[in-house]
Amino acid sequence: MLALAISLAACGNGGNANTTADTGNNAQTTGNAPAAASSSEPKELTKVTQVTNWFAEPEHGGQYAALAKGFYEEAGLDMTIQSGGPGVSSTQIVAGGKAEFGMGQADEILLARKNGIPLVAIAATFQKNPQGIMFHKGRFKDISELNGNKVYVGSGVVYWEYLKKAYKLDGVTELKYTGSLANFVADPDAATQIYVTSEPFSMQQEGVEVEYFLNYDLGYKQYGNILYTTEDYMKEHPDVVKAYVQASIKGWDYYKDNSEEINKVMQEKNPDLKLEAMAYGTKAQEQLVYGGDAETHGVGYMSEEIWSGLQQQMIDIGMLEEAEPLEKVFTNEFLPAQ
């Protein structure tokens, strides 16, 4: 299987931020659901929080666009965006009721449900998940060639368990991924887990030529940066969920043609992430967000085929014990009509 070549981009460097939450500036009052405003009274807003899966970055562009441009407020929401980061579990935060909405990968939703946390996917901001395996340019043409070499990967990473079984990678030396790429850079035969929207740019900054395999193209087809809530919240506050989803999708539609504007907004929340790095990430993720089914059904759409395939793959590798009805796992009912 051919690897995807990385084209050179401008310079920059990602990093962490100190700011952990953003709120809308014009909230008036709180309530249990978005309420229509009269001509003489200010609009009553519903206070809600969404927690992302990392510090502000292009992968969250639509969420920050919806906040910055007032789409959440227009939908009746007094929105707070809480940043994720190391040691932050959006799953636990949402399950514990400290946030109404979270962001995570599709396999995380299925694992949470297996463990008794009834999350429901309500939109997929990435049609193709941006996770992949990076290596030095020209070193590998097929993922099976990883056998006999070192791969830096986190413990318990579901997609890696799938890749090992699907491509018979029993000859790989697995080393713990720590977030540092120094050991990878020093070893021309090594490979490492990555987000294709981020680490390749860091390598360009160091003058290291790389390529990568996108896990989705290797057969592990899962959605990325899923927006989710709990079963109970969805049943009790469907109007709030609909308002949140539709405002978020409006944000992603805006971000597509106005990424430079919103990237500057996000950099205020994450100043260590340079605009050049954001520009790279924005370009790298464009087809992952707006391509595929999103071209015909709009951003956020999810299919039973993708969810069913992922669930079966996780059963096959022993990460899930049995399949459950997919209508419990995801829904498109809150997406804007196309």
C-alpha atoms as a PDB file:
ATOM      1  CA  MET A   1       0.000   0.000   0.000  1.00  0.00           C
ATOM      2  CA  LEU A   2       1.447   3.317  -1.020  1.00  0.00           C
ATOM      3  CA  ALA A   3       2.167   5.893   1.625  1.00  0.00           C
ATOM      4  CA  LEU A   4       0.890   9.441   1.397  1.00  0.00           C
ATOM      5  CA  ALA A   5       3.679  11.906   0.707  1.00  0.00           C
ATOM      6  CA  ILE A   6       3.873  15.039   2.802  1.00  0.00           C
ATOM      7  CA  SER A   7       4.178  18.271   0.852  1.00  0.00           C
ATOM      8  CA  LEU A   8       6.337  21.030   2.303  1.00  0.00           C
ATOM      9  CA  ALA A   9       4.569  23.838   4.127  1.00  0.00           C
ATOM     10  CA  ALA A  10       5.447  27.038   5.972  1.00  0.00           C
ATOM     11  CA  CYS A  11       7.186  27.048   9.345  1.00  0.00           C
ATOM     12  CA  GLY A  12       5.585  26.947  12.798  1.00  0.00           C
ATOM     13  CA  ASN A  13       5.312  24.899  15.949  1.00  0.00           C
ATOM     14  CA  GLY A  14       2.460  23.523  18.028  1.00  0.00           C
ATOM     15  CA  GLY A  15       2.189  23.601  21.789  1.00  0.00           C
ATOM     16  CA  ASN A  16       0.034  23.858  24.862  1.00  0.00           C
ATOM     17  CA  ALA A  17      -1.984  26.733  26.238  1.00  0.00           C
ATOM     18  CA  ASN A  18      -2.846  28.062  29.652  1.00  0.00           C
ATOM     19  CA  THR A  19      -6.430  29.046  28.846  1.00  0.00           C
ATOM     20  CA  THR A  20      -8.823  26.172  29.447  1.00  0.00           C
ATOM     21  CA  ALA A  21     -12.275  27.594  28.793  1.00  0.00           C
ATOM     22  CA  ASP A  22     -13.947  30.097  26.485  1.00  0.00           C
ATOM     23  CA  THR A  23     -17.396  31.541  26.842  1.00  0.00           C
ATOM     24  CA  GLY A  24     -19.734  33.637  24.778  1.00  0.00           C
ATOM     25  CA  ASN A  25     -19.706  37.278  25.819  1.00  0.00           C
ATOM     26  CA  ASN A  26     -23.350  38.208  25.445  1.00  0.00           C
ATOM     27  CA  ALA A  27     -25.214  35.661  27.529  1.00  0.00           C
ATOM     28  CA  GLN A  28     -28.156  37.112  29.449  1.00  0.00           C
ATOM     29  CA  THR A  29     -29.744  34.453  31.615  1.00  0.00           C
ATOM     30  CA  THR A  30     -29.891  30.722  31.975  1.00  0.00           C
ATOM     31  CA  GLY A  31     -32.617  28.173  31.411  1.00  0.00           C
ATOM     32  CA  ASN A  32     -33.293  24.545  30.633  1.00  0.00           C
ATOM     33  CA  ALA A  33     -33.827  24.931  26.892  1.00  0.00           C
ATOM     34  CA  PRO A  34     -33.388  27.583  24.193  1.00  0.00           C
ATOM     35  CA  ALA A  35     -36.303  29.994  24.500  1.00  0.00           C
ATOM     36  CA  ALA A  36     -37.750  32.341  21.916  1.00  0.00           C
ATOM     37  CA  ALA A  37     -37.252  36.006  22.743  1.00  0.00           C
ATOM     38  CA  SER A  38     -39.956  38.630  22.532  1.00  0.00           C
ATOM     39  CA  SER A  39     -39.319  41.873  20.706  1.00  0.00           C
ATOM     40  CA  SER A  40     -38.969  43.765  23.993  1.00  0.00           C
ATOM     41  CA  GLU A  41     -36.993  41.293  26.112  1.00  0.00           C
ATOM     42  CA  PRO A  42     -33.449  39.966  25.736  1.00  0.00           C
ATOM     43  CA  LYS A  43     -33.146  36.415  24.475  1.00  0.00           C
ATOM     44  CA  GLU A  44     -32.986  33.869  27.265  1.00  0.00           C
ATOM     45  CA  LEU A  45     -29.971  31.623  26.819  1.00  0.00           C
ATOM     46  CA  THR A  46     -29.301  28.096  28.020  1.00  0.00           C
ATOM     47  CA  LYS A  47     -25.933  27.641  29.720  1.00  0.00           C
ATOM     48  CA  VAL A  48     -24.038  24.663  28.292  1.00  0.00           C
ATOM     49  CA  THR A  49     -20.434  23.482  28.191  1.00  0.00           C
ATOM     50  CA  GLN A  50     -18.601  21.425  25.609  1.00  0.00           C
ATOM     51  CA  VAL A  51     -15.205  19.889  26.333  1.00  0.00           C
ATOM     52  CA  THR A  52     -12.845  19.273  23.416  1.00  0.00           C
ATOM     53  CA  ASN A  53     -10.133  16.628  23.181  1.00  0.00           C
ATOM     54  CA  TRP A  54      -7.109  18.973  23.194  1.00  0.00           C
ATOM     55  CA  PHE A  55      -6.020  22.590  23.336  1.00  0.00           C
ATOM     56  CA  ALA A  56      -7.526  24.922  20.725  1.00  0.00           C
ATOM     57  CA  GLU A  57      -6.393  23.883  17.236  1.00  0.00           C
ATOM     58  CA  PRO A  58      -7.710  23.608  13.653  1.00  0.00           C
ATOM     59  CA  GLU A  59      -9.323  20.260  14.490  1.00  0.00           C
ATOM     60  CA  HIS A  60     -11.737  22.326  16.614  1.00  0.00           C
ATOM     61  CA  GLY A  61     -12.133  25.122  14.071  1.00  0.00           C
ATOM     62  CA  GLY A  62     -15.878  24.827  13.614  1.00  0.00           C
ATOM     63  CA  GLN A  63     -16.557  24.884  17.340  1.00  0.00           C
ATOM     64  CA  TYR A  64     -14.573  28.082  17.859  1.00  0.00           C
ATOM     65  CA  ALA A  65     -16.099  29.626  14.736  1.00  0.00           C
ATOM     66  CA  ALA A  66     -19.568  28.977  16.135  1.00  0.00           C
ATOM     67  CA  LEU A  67     -18.569  30.672  19.383  1.00  0.00           C
ATOM     68  CA  ALA A  68     -16.717  33.619  17.835  1.00  0.00           C
ATOM     69  CA  LYS A  69     -19.364  34.394  15.218  1.00  0.00           C
ATOM     70  CA  GLY A  70     -22.261  34.142  17.648  1.00  0.00           C
ATOM     71  CA  PHE A  71     -23.857  31.040  16.128  1.00  0.00           C
ATOM     72  CA  TYR A  72     -24.304  29.391  19.515  1.00  0.00           C
ATOM     73  CA  GLU A  73     -25.885  32.517  20.929  1.00  0.00           C
ATOM     74  CA  GLU A  74     -28.177  32.806  17.913  1.00  0.00           C
ATOM     75  CA  ALA A  75     -29.251  29.232  18.635  1.00  0.00           C
ATOM     76  CA  GLY A  76     -30.121  30.168  22.217  1.00  0.00           C
ATOM     77  CA  LEU A  77     -26.990  28.838  23.891  1.00  0.00           C
ATOM     78  CA  ASP A  78     -24.669  30.479  26.413  1.00  0.00           C
ATOM     79  CA  MET A  79     -21.697  28.330  25.390  1.00  0.00           C
ATOM     80  CA  THR A  80     -18.479  27.577  27.226  1.00  0.00           C
ATOM     81  CA  ILE A  81     -15.732  25.663  25.405  1.00  0.00           C
ATOM     82  CA  GLN A  82     -13.470  23.808  27.816  1.00  0.00           C
ATOM     83  CA  SER A  83     -10.143  22.667  26.388  1.00  0.00           C
ATOM     84  CA  GLY A  84      -8.967  19.110  26.735  1.00  0.00           C
ATOM     85  CA  GLY A  85      -5.340  18.190  27.261  1.00  0.00           C
ATOM     86  CA  PRO A  86      -3.082  15.662  28.986  1.00  0.00           C
ATOM     87  CA  GLY A  87      -4.967  13.846  31.708  1.00  0.00           C
ATOM     88  CA  VAL A  88      -8.309  15.393  30.769  1.00  0.00           C
ATOM     89  CA  SER A  89     -11.039  12.822  30.088  1.00  0.00           C
ATOM     90  CA  SER A  90     -13.897  14.424  28.207  1.00  0.00           C
ATOM     91  CA  THR A  91     -15.758  11.133  28.579  1.00  0.00           C
ATOM     92  CA  GLN A  92     -15.671  11.328  32.366  1.00  0.00           C
ATOM     93  CA  ILE A  93     -16.457  15.047  32.390  1.00  0.00           C
ATOM     94  CA  VAL A  94     -19.582  14.553  30.280  1.00  0.00           C
ATOM     95  CA  ALA A  95     -20.599  11.360  32.065  1.00  0.00           C
ATOM     96  CA  GLY A  96     -20.263  13.178  35.385  1.00  0.00           C
ATOM     97  CA  GLY A  97     -22.522  16.006  34.244  1.00  0.00           C
ATOM     98  CA  LYS A  98     -19.828  18.699  34.350  1.00  0.00           C
ATOM     99  CA  ALA A  99     -20.276  19.304  30.610  1.00  0.00           C
ATOM    100  CA  GLU A 100     -23.226  18.614  28.354  1.00  0.00           C
ATOM    101  CA  PHE A 101     -21.196  17.835  25.245  1.00  0.00           C
ATOM    102  CA  GLY A 102     -17.840  16.237  24.496  1.00  0.00           C
ATOM    103  CA  MET A 103     -15.512  15.448  21.621  1.00  0.00           C
ATOM    104  CA  GLY A 104     -13.704  12.183  20.937  1.00  0.00           C
ATOM    105  CA  GLN A 105     -13.000   9.394  18.461  1.00  0.00           C
ATOM    106  CA  ALA A 106     -15.623   6.926  17.288  1.00  0.00           C
ATOM    107  CA  ASP A 107     -13.960   3.947  18.953  1.00  0.00           C
ATOM    108  CA  GLU A 108     -13.931   5.861  22.234  1.00  0.00           C
ATOM    109  CA  ILE A 109     -17.722   6.102  22.048  1.00  0.00           C
ATOM    110  CA  LEU A 110     -18.031   2.347  21.615  1.00  0.00           C
ATOM    111  CA  LEU A 111     -15.581   1.620  24.432  1.00  0.00           C
ATOM    112  CA  ALA A 112     -17.390   4.016  26.755  1.00  0.00           C
ATOM    113  CA  ARG A 113     -20.682   2.275  26.077  1.00  0.00           C
ATOM    114  CA  LYS A 114     -19.047  -1.094  26.725  1.00  0.00           C
ATOM    115  CA  ASN A 115     -17.953   0.250  30.109  1.00  0.00           C
ATOM    116  CA  GLY A 116     -21.436   1.407  31.037  1.00  0.00           C
ATOM    117  CA  ILE A 117     -21.143   5.062  30.010  1.00  0.00           C
ATOM    118  CA  PRO A 118     -24.099   5.644  27.636  1.00  0.00           C
ATOM    119  CA  LEU A 119     -22.646   8.204  25.237  1.00  0.00           C
ATOM    120  CA  VAL A 120     -24.353   8.947  21.920  1.00  0.00           C
ATOM    121  CA  ALA A 121     -22.603  10.349  18.837  1.00  0.00           C
ATOM    122  CA  ILE A 122     -24.572  13.310  17.479  1.00  0.00           C
ATOM    123  CA  ALA A 123     -22.213  14.542  14.723  1.00  0.00           C
ATOM    124  CA  ALA A 124     -18.868  13.599  13.160  1.00  0.00           C
ATOM    125  CA  THR A 125     -16.727  16.627  12.387  1.00  0.00           C
ATOM    126  CA  PHE A 126     -14.158  14.433  10.579  1.00  0.00           C
ATOM    127  CA  GLN A 127     -15.373  11.987   7.938  1.00  0.00           C
ATOM    128  CA  LYS A 128     -11.908  10.439   7.964  1.00  0.00           C
ATOM    129  CA  ASN A 129     -10.054  10.211  11.246  1.00  0.00           C
ATOM    130  CA  PRO A 130      -6.691  12.077  11.098  1.00  0.00           C
ATOM    131  CA  GLN A 131      -4.746   9.421  13.021  1.00  0.00           C
ATOM    132  CA  GLY A 132      -1.925   7.663  11.198  1.00  0.00           C
ATOM    133  CA  ILE A 133       1.552   6.114  11.246  1.00  0.00           C
ATOM    134  CA  MET A 134       4.495   8.326  10.203  1.00  0.00           C
ATOM    135  CA  PHE A 135       7.891   7.182   8.936  1.00  0.00           C
ATOM    136  CA  HIS A 136      10.978   8.585   7.235  1.00  0.00           C
ATOM    137  CA  LYS A 137      10.467   9.380   3.573  1.00  0.00           C
ATOM    138  CA  GLY A 138      10.994   6.426   1.269  1.00  0.00           C
ATOM    139  CA  ARG A 139      11.547   3.919   4.078  1.00  0.00           C
ATOM    140  CA  PHE A 140       8.311   1.941   3.748  1.00  0.00           C
ATOM    141  CA  LYS A 141       6.010   1.295   0.810  1.00  0.00           C
ATOM    142  CA  ASP A 142       3.627  -1.034   2.626  1.00  0.00           C
ATOM    143  CA  ILE A 143       2.710  -1.152   6.286  1.00  0.00           C
ATOM    144  CA  SER A 144       3.710  -4.815   6.503  1.00  0.00           C
ATOM    145  CA  GLU A 145       7.307  -3.613   6.088  1.00  0.00           C
ATOM    146  CA  LEU A 146       7.138  -2.287   9.650  1.00  0.00           C
ATOM    147  CA  ASN A 147       7.999  -5.810  10.802  1.00  0.00           C
ATOM    148  CA  GLY A 148      11.523  -5.896  12.206  1.00  0.00           C
ATOM    149  CA  ASN A 149      11.433  -2.211  13.111  1.00  0.00           C
ATOM    150  CA  LYS A 150      10.459   0.025  16.019  1.00  0.00           C
ATOM    151  CA  VAL A 151       7.047   1.670  16.246  1.00  0.00           C
ATOM    152  CA  TYR A 152       6.229   4.265  18.888  1.00  0.00           C
ATOM    153  CA  VAL A 153       2.591   3.868  19.916  1.00  0.00           C
ATOM    154  CA  GLY A 154       0.491   4.493  22.999  1.00  0.00           C
ATOM    155  CA  SER A 155      -0.677   1.606  25.144  1.00  0.00           C
ATOM    156  CA  GLY A 156      -4.168   0.345  24.416  1.00  0.00           C
ATOM    157  CA  VAL A 157      -4.526   2.247  21.144  1.00  0.00           C
ATOM    158  CA  VAL A 158      -7.395   0.480  19.392  1.00  0.00           C
ATOM    159  CA  TYR A 159      -6.372   1.214  15.824  1.00  0.00           C
ATOM    160  CA  TRP A 160      -2.914  -0.240  16.465  1.00  0.00           C
ATOM    161  CA  GLU A 161      -4.462  -3.490  17.697  1.00  0.00           C
ATOM    162  CA  TYR A 162      -6.438  -3.615  14.454  1.00  0.00           C
ATOM    163  CA  LEU A 163      -3.403  -2.885  12.286  1.00  0.00           C
ATOM    164  CA  LYS A 164      -1.317  -5.547  14.042  1.00  0.00           C
ATOM    165  CA  LYS A 165      -3.911  -8.214  13.344  1.00  0.00           C
ATOM    166  CA  ALA A 166      -4.909  -7.091   9.852  1.00  0.00           C
ATOM    167  CA  TYR A 167      -1.323  -6.777   8.585  1.00  0.00           C
ATOM    168  CA  LYS A 168       0.329  -9.477  10.732  1.00  0.00           C
ATOM    169  CA  LEU A 169       2.693  -7.045  12.437  1.00  0.00           C
ATOM    170  CA  ASP A 170       3.961  -9.601  14.938  1.00  0.00           C
ATOM    171  CA  GLY A 171       7.590  -8.713  14.190  1.00  0.00           C
ATOM    172  CA  VAL A 172       7.315  -5.074  15.254  1.00  0.00           C
ATOM    173  CA  THR A 173       9.138  -3.787  18.321  1.00  0.00           C
ATOM    174  CA  GLU A 174       6.573  -1.659  20.147  1.00  0.00           C
ATOM    175  CA  LEU A 175       7.876   1.269  22.179  1.00  0.00           C
ATOM    176  CA  LYS A 176       5.787   3.636  24.274  1.00  0.00           C
ATOM    177  CA  TYR A 177       4.792   6.867  22.574  1.00  0.00           C
ATOM    178  CA  THR A 178       5.537   9.778  24.907  1.00  0.00           C
ATOM    179  CA  GLY A 179       4.703  12.748  22.687  1.00  0.00           C
ATOM    180  CA  SER A 180       8.374  13.417  21.929  1.00  0.00           C
ATOM    181  CA  LEU A 181       9.607  12.714  18.402  1.00  0.00           C
ATOM    182  CA  ALA A 182      13.324  12.826  19.277  1.00  0.00           C
ATOM    183  CA  ASN A 183      13.817   9.050  19.196  1.00  0.00           C
ATOM    184  CA  PHE A 184      11.896   8.795  15.942  1.00  0.00           C
ATOM    185  CA  VAL A 185      14.051  11.482  14.333  1.00  0.00           C
ATOM    186  CA  ALA A 186      17.229   9.717  15.443  1.00  0.00           C
ATOM    187  CA  ASP A 187      16.207   6.349  13.972  1.00  0.00           C
ATOM    188  CA  PRO A 188      15.658   6.310  10.179  1.00  0.00           C
ATOM    189  CA  ASP A 189      13.974   2.904  10.438  1.00  0.00           C
ATOM    190  CA  ALA A 190      11.439   3.854  13.120  1.00  0.00           C
ATOM    191  CA  ALA A 191       7.767   4.749  12.772  1.00  0.00           C
ATOM    192  CA  THR A 192       5.418   6.557  15.128  1.00  0.00           C
ATOM    193  CA  GLN A 193       1.756   7.261  15.719  1.00  0.00           C
ATOM    194  CA  ILE A 194       0.634  10.742  14.664  1.00  0.00           C
ATOM    195  CA  TYR A 195      -2.165  13.054  13.735  1.00  0.00           C
ATOM    196  CA  VAL A 196      -1.570  13.824  10.077  1.00  0.00           C
ATOM    197  CA  THR A 197      -2.652  17.396  10.772  1.00  0.00           C
ATOM    198  CA  SER A 198       0.179  18.065  13.212  1.00  0.00           C
ATOM    199  CA  GLU A 199       3.371  16.016  13.569  1.00  0.00           C
ATOM    200  CA  PRO A 200       4.373  16.068   9.871  1.00  0.00           C
ATOM    201  CA  PHE A 201       4.571  19.843  10.112  1.00  0.00           C
ATOM    202  CA  SER A 202       6.816  19.603  13.170  1.00  0.00           C
ATOM    203  CA  MET A 203       9.136  17.357  11.172  1.00  0.00           C
ATOM    204  CA  GLN A 204       9.280  19.849   8.328  1.00  0.00           C
ATOM    205  CA  GLN A 205      10.421  22.435  10.852  1.00  0.00           C
ATOM    206  CA  GLU A 206      13.357  20.196  11.728  1.00  0.00           C
ATOM    207  CA  GLY A 207      14.166  19.426   8.111  1.00  0.00           C
ATOM    208  CA  VAL A 208      13.119  15.791   8.439  1.00  0.00           C
ATOM    209  CA  GLU A 209      11.365  14.421   5.360  1.00  0.00           C
ATOM    210  CA  VAL A 210       8.503  12.113   6.239  1.00  0.00           C
ATOM    211  CA  GLU A 211       5.557  10.235   4.831  1.00  0.00           C
ATOM    212  CA  TYR A 212       2.632   8.560   6.530  1.00  0.00           C
ATOM    213  CA  PHE A 213      -0.062   5.941   6.309  1.00  0.00           C
ATOM    214  CA  LEU A 214      -3.552   7.202   7.165  1.00  0.00           C
ATOM    215  CA  ASN A 215      -5.246   4.590   9.336  1.00  0.00           C
ATOM    216  CA  TYR A 216      -8.556   5.134   7.581  1.00  0.00           C
ATOM    217  CA  ASP A 217      -6.967   4.199   4.256  1.00  0.00           C
ATOM    218  CA  LEU A 218      -5.455   1.109   5.879  1.00  0.00           C
ATOM    219  CA  GLY A 219      -8.958  -0.137   6.646  1.00  0.00           C
ATOM    220  CA  TYR A 220      -9.585   1.209  10.127  1.00  0.00           C
ATOM    221  CA  LYS A 221     -12.458   3.426   9.059  1.00  0.00           C
ATOM    222  CA  GLN A 222     -13.635   5.508  11.951  1.00  0.00           C
ATOM    223  CA  TYR A 223     -14.949   9.024  12.268  1.00  0.00           C
ATOM    224  CA  GLY A 224     -12.852  11.640  14.032  1.00  0.00           C
ATOM    225  CA  ASN A 225     -13.667  14.299  16.630  1.00  0.00           C
ATOM    226  CA  ILE A 226     -17.173  13.028  17.218  1.00  0.00           C
ATOM    227  CA  LEU A 227     -19.507  15.392  19.035  1.00  0.00           C
ATOM    228  CA  TYR A 228     -21.407  13.486  21.690  1.00  0.00           C
ATOM    229  CA  THR A 229     -23.682  13.720  24.685  1.00  0.00           C
ATOM    230  CA  THR A 230     -25.323  11.239  27.036  1.00  0.00           C
ATOM    231  CA  GLU A 231     -28.478   9.263  26.333  1.00  0.00           C
ATOM    232  CA  ASP A 232     -30.272  10.960  29.221  1.00  0.00           C
ATOM    233  CA  TYR A 233     -29.341  14.490  28.187  1.00  0.00           C
ATOM    234  CA  MET A 234     -30.386  13.819  24.599  1.00  0.00           C
ATOM    235  CA  LYS A 235     -33.782  12.501  25.719  1.00  0.00           C
ATOM    236  CA  GLU A 236     -34.390  15.262  28.256  1.00  0.00           C
ATOM    237  CA  HIS A 237     -33.116  18.218  26.192  1.00  0.00           C
ATOM    238  CA  PRO A 238     -33.535  17.410  22.477  1.00  0.00           C
ATOM    239  CA  ASP A 239     -34.001  21.083  21.587  1.00  0.00           C
ATOM    240  CA  VAL A 240     -30.695  21.991  23.211  1.00  0.00           C
ATOM    241  CA  VAL A 241     -28.921  19.133  21.438  1.00  0.00           C
ATOM    242  CA  LYS A 242     -30.373  20.218  18.097  1.00  0.00           C
ATOM    243  CA  ALA A 243     -29.365  23.822  18.709  1.00  0.00           C
ATOM    244  CA  TYR A 244     -25.830  22.751  19.617  1.00  0.00           C
ATOM    245  CA  VAL A 245     -25.355  20.455  16.631  1.00  0.00           C
ATOM    246  CA  GLN A 246     -26.746  22.864  14.077  1.00  0.00           C
ATOM    247  CA  ALA A 247     -24.770  25.829  15.402  1.00  0.00           C
ATOM    248  CA  SER A 248     -21.607  23.693  15.408  1.00  0.00           C
ATOM    249  CA  ILE A 249     -22.158  22.623  11.803  1.00  0.00           C
ATOM    250  CA  LYS A 250     -22.764  26.248  10.853  1.00  0.00           C
ATOM    251  CA  GLY A 251     -19.414  26.972  12.465  1.00  0.00           C
ATOM    252  CA  TRP A 252     -17.681  24.311  10.382  1.00  0.00           C
ATOM    253  CA  ASP A 253     -19.282  25.657   7.220  1.00  0.00           C
ATOM    254  CA  TYR A 254     -17.952  29.092   8.130  1.00  0.00           C
ATOM    255  CA  TYR A 255     -14.494  27.803   8.990  1.00  0.00           C
ATOM    256  CA  LYS A 256     -14.049  26.250   5.550  1.00  0.00           C
ATOM    257  CA  ASP A 257     -13.646  29.641   3.862  1.00  0.00           C
ATOM    258  CA  ASN A 258     -12.590  31.715   6.863  1.00  0.00           C
ATOM    259  CA  SER A 259      -9.974  29.595   8.588  1.00  0.00           C
ATOM    260  CA  GLU A 260      -7.382  32.377   8.864  1.00  0.00           C
ATOM    261  CA  GLU A 261      -9.825  34.508  10.848  1.00  0.00           C
ATOM    262  CA  ILE A 262     -10.785  31.707  13.226  1.00  0.00           C
ATOM    263  CA  ASN A 263      -7.214  30.424  13.576  1.00  0.00           C
ATOM    264  CA  LYS A 264      -6.299  33.812  15.034  1.00  0.00           C
ATOM    265  CA  VAL A 265      -9.144  33.434  17.513  1.00  0.00           C
ATOM    266  CA  MET A 266      -7.895  29.996  18.526  1.00  0.00           C
ATOM    267  CA  GLN A 267      -4.317  31.206  18.834  1.00  0.00           C
ATOM    268  CA  GLU A 268      -5.474  33.647  21.499  1.00  0.00           C
ATOM    269  CA  LYS A 269      -6.540  30.582  23.489  1.00  0.00           C
ATOM    270  CA  ASN A 270      -3.461  28.535  22.567  1.00  0.00           C
ATOM    271  CA  PRO A 271      -0.627  31.017  21.886  1.00  0.00           C
ATOM    272  CA  ASP A 272       2.036  28.308  21.685  1.00  0.00           C
ATOM    273  CA  LEU A 273       0.476  26.989  18.477  1.00  0.00           C
ATOM    274  CA  LYS A 274       1.804  29.178  15.674  1.00  0.00           C
ATOM    275  CA  LEU A 275      -0.384  30.404  12.837  1.00  0.00           C
ATOM    276  CA  GLU A 276       1.863  28.637  10.322  1.00  0.00           C
ATOM    277  CA  ALA A 277       1.199  25.336  12.053  1.00  0.00           C
ATOM    278  CA  MET A 278      -2.511  26.088  12.092  1.00  0.00           C
ATOM    279  CA  ALA A 279      -2.450  26.858   8.373  1.00  0.00           C
ATOM    280  CA  TYR A 280      -0.811  23.486   7.733  1.00  0.00           C
ATOM    281  CA  GLY A 281      -3.359  21.670   9.866  1.00  0.00           C
ATOM    282  CA  THR A 282      -6.248  23.453   8.192  1.00  0.00           C
ATOM    283  CA  LYS A 283      -5.076  22.382   4.751  1.00  0.00           C
ATOM    284  CA  ALA A 284      -4.263  18.828   5.840  1.00  0.00           C
ATOM    285  CA  GLN A 285      -7.715  18.288   7.320  1.00  0.00           C
ATOM    286  CA  GLU A 286      -9.820  19.882   4.582  1.00  0.00           C
ATOM    287  CA  GLN A 287     -10.723  16.687   2.737  1.00  0.00           C
ATOM    288  CA  LEU A 288     -10.990  14.766   6.001  1.00  0.00           C
ATOM    289  CA  VAL A 289     -13.713  17.156   7.187  1.00  0.00           C
ATOM    290  CA  TYR A 290     -15.450  18.292   4.021  1.00  0.00           C
ATOM    291  CA  GLY A 291     -14.872  15.302   1.726  1.00  0.00           C
ATOM    292  CA  GLY A 292     -16.536  11.905   1.586  1.00  0.00           C
ATOM    293  CA  ASP A 293     -20.168  11.805   2.669  1.00  0.00           C
ATOM    294  CA  ALA A 294     -19.935  15.425   3.815  1.00  0.00           C
ATOM    295  CA  GLU A 295     -19.879  16.484   0.172  1.00  0.00           C
ATOM    296  CA  THR A 296     -23.449  15.278  -0.315  1.00  0.00           C
ATOM    297  CA  HIS A 297     -24.870  15.079   3.208  1.00  0.00           C
ATOM    298  CA  GLY A 298     -23.047  17.971   4.869  1.00  0.00           C
ATOM    299  CA  VAL A 299     -20.492  18.143   7.667  1.00  0.00           C
ATOM    300  CA  GLY A 300     -21.368  15.940  10.612  1.00  0.00           C
ATOM    301  CA  TYR A 301     -23.087  13.115   8.729  1.00  0.00           C
ATOM    302  CA  MET A 302     -22.548   9.533   9.880  1.00  0.00           C
ATOM    303  CA  SER A 303     -23.455   6.275   8.142  1.00  0.00           C
ATOM    304  CA  GLU A 304     -24.525   2.941   9.569  1.00  0.00           C
ATOM    305  CA  GLU A 305     -21.989   1.275   7.264  1.00  0.00           C
ATOM    306  CA  ILE A 306     -19.013   3.005   8.880  1.00  0.00           C
ATOM    307  CA  TRP A 307     -20.254   2.479  12.428  1.00  0.00           C
ATOM    308  CA  SER A 308     -21.136  -1.155  11.774  1.00  0.00           C
ATOM    309  CA  GLY A 309     -17.742  -1.854  10.224  1.00  0.00           C
ATOM    310  CA  LEU A 310     -15.885  -0.239  13.106  1.00  0.00           C
ATOM    311  CA  GLN A 311     -17.911  -2.107  15.697  1.00  0.00           C
ATOM    312  CA  GLN A 312     -17.195  -5.434  14.002  1.00  0.00           C
ATOM    313  CA  GLN A 313     -13.476  -4.672  13.770  1.00  0.00           C
ATOM    314  CA  MET A 314     -13.385  -3.953  17.495  1.00  0.00           C
ATOM    315  CA  ILE A 315     -15.162  -7.235  18.186  1.00  0.00           C
ATOM    316  CA  ASP A 316     -12.696  -9.089  15.967  1.00  0.00           C
ATOM    317  CA  ILE A 317      -9.703  -7.785  17.921  1.00  0.00           C
ATOM    318  CA  GLY A 318     -11.319  -8.412  21.293  1.00  0.00           C
ATOM    319  CA  MET A 319     -11.921  -4.787  22.263  1.00  0.00           C
ATOM    320  CA  LEU A 320     -15.699  -5.315  22.288  1.00  0.00           C
ATOM    321  CA  GLU A 321     -17.539  -8.437  23.349  1.00  0.00           C
ATOM    322  CA  GLU A 322     -20.661  -8.067  21.232  1.00  0.00           C
ATOM    323  CA  ALA A 323     -22.463  -5.744  18.873  1.00  0.00           C
ATOM    324  CA  GLU A 324     -25.221  -3.479  20.078  1.00  0.00           C
ATOM    325  CA  PRO A 325     -27.973  -1.779  18.064  1.00  0.00           C
ATOM    326  CA  LEU A 326     -26.405   1.146  16.248  1.00  0.00           C
ATOM    327  CA  GLU A 327     -29.448   3.348  16.789  1.00  0.00           C
ATOM    328  CA  LYS A 328     -28.258   3.541  20.388  1.00  0.00           C
ATOM    329  CA  VAL A 329     -24.742   4.533  19.343  1.00  0.00           C
ATOM    330  CA  PHE A 330     -25.286   7.391  16.899  1.00  0.00           C
ATOM    331  CA  THR A 331     -27.939   9.587  15.348  1.00  0.00           C
ATOM    332  CA  ASN A 332     -28.169  12.072  12.480  1.00  0.00           C
ATOM    333  CA  GLU A 333     -31.522  13.441  13.642  1.00  0.00           C
ATOM    334  CA  PHE A 334     -30.108  16.733  14.892  1.00  0.00           C
ATOM    335  CA  LEU A 335     -28.132  17.612  11.752  1.00  0.00           C
ATOM    336  CA  PRO A 336     -29.303  20.440   9.472  1.00  0.00           C
ATOM    337  CA  ALA A 337     -31.527  19.337   6.611  1.00  0.00           C
ATOM    338  CA  GLN A 338     -29.709  19.059   3.287  1.00  0.00           C
END
